Amino acid sequence: MRVSILQPNYIPWRGYFDFIKQSDVFVFYDDVQYTKNDWRNRNLIKTQDGAQWMTIPVDDSHRISKHLLIKDAKIVQNGWQERHLNLLEINYKFAPYYGEVRDIMVEAFAQHKEFLSQLAVSLITKTKDFLGINCHLMLSSEIGFTELSPSDRLIAICKHLGATEYLSGDAAREYLEVDKFGGIKVLWHRYHERMYPQLWSGFVSRVSIIDTLMNCGIKTRDII
């Protein structure tokens, strides 16, 4: 059984969903330190003028203490949902699957989640289900082992879930203690991004999967 563990991001890019697609169990690493202005609360969409950020405002007033966990980061409710939906309408209203994808966003926003990770997980789950990806999703905060070092905790989670393989990001080669995984095989995720039809001229890579969904709909599953 293959397990992967990543921090929850706001409508992440296709490479993130490739992790999910290649895994039997995907764990949201939601009880590690929150980092400001990272992929946790923002992502890029393609516009006529190039890539543009869509950012969820977060109350990170306690971030300086380095004790703010992702799962505890609260959303600032200042009407950002309407602004994001307006951005999507301006930039994607002529996309072939605009209506279907907008419905996913509207449904998630209507839940008025208090915490950032709750919204991120909700949107990722809805997208996974829309694409028919068969993978079980879990939260690290519901598994535990927080007293362990980072590498030891990943191993403990994998063993707890009965993993035979652990799918890791390639950047982790620099610090992951592979020898400690014992009988669990460590696999390195390498993602080769494929091009697809986009609105406006040229191709912009590494934008949110929202762009792919708007342009390709359910076919996004085959070009992740």
Foldseek 3Di string as FASTA:
>chain_A
DEEEEEAQFALFAPLVVVNQLPGQEYEHAFFAFDDPPDRLFWFWDQAQVGIDILGFAWPCVVCVVRRQTQQNIFTDPDPSLVVVLVVLCRGQVVAPCSVVLSVLSVVLVVVVDGGSRVSSVSSVVSVCVQLVRNHHYYYVVVVDPVVDDPQVSVLVVCVVVVAQEYEYEQVCVVPHPQVVNPRRHYHYDDDDADDDDFPHDDTDPRGRCSRVCSHPNSCVSVRD
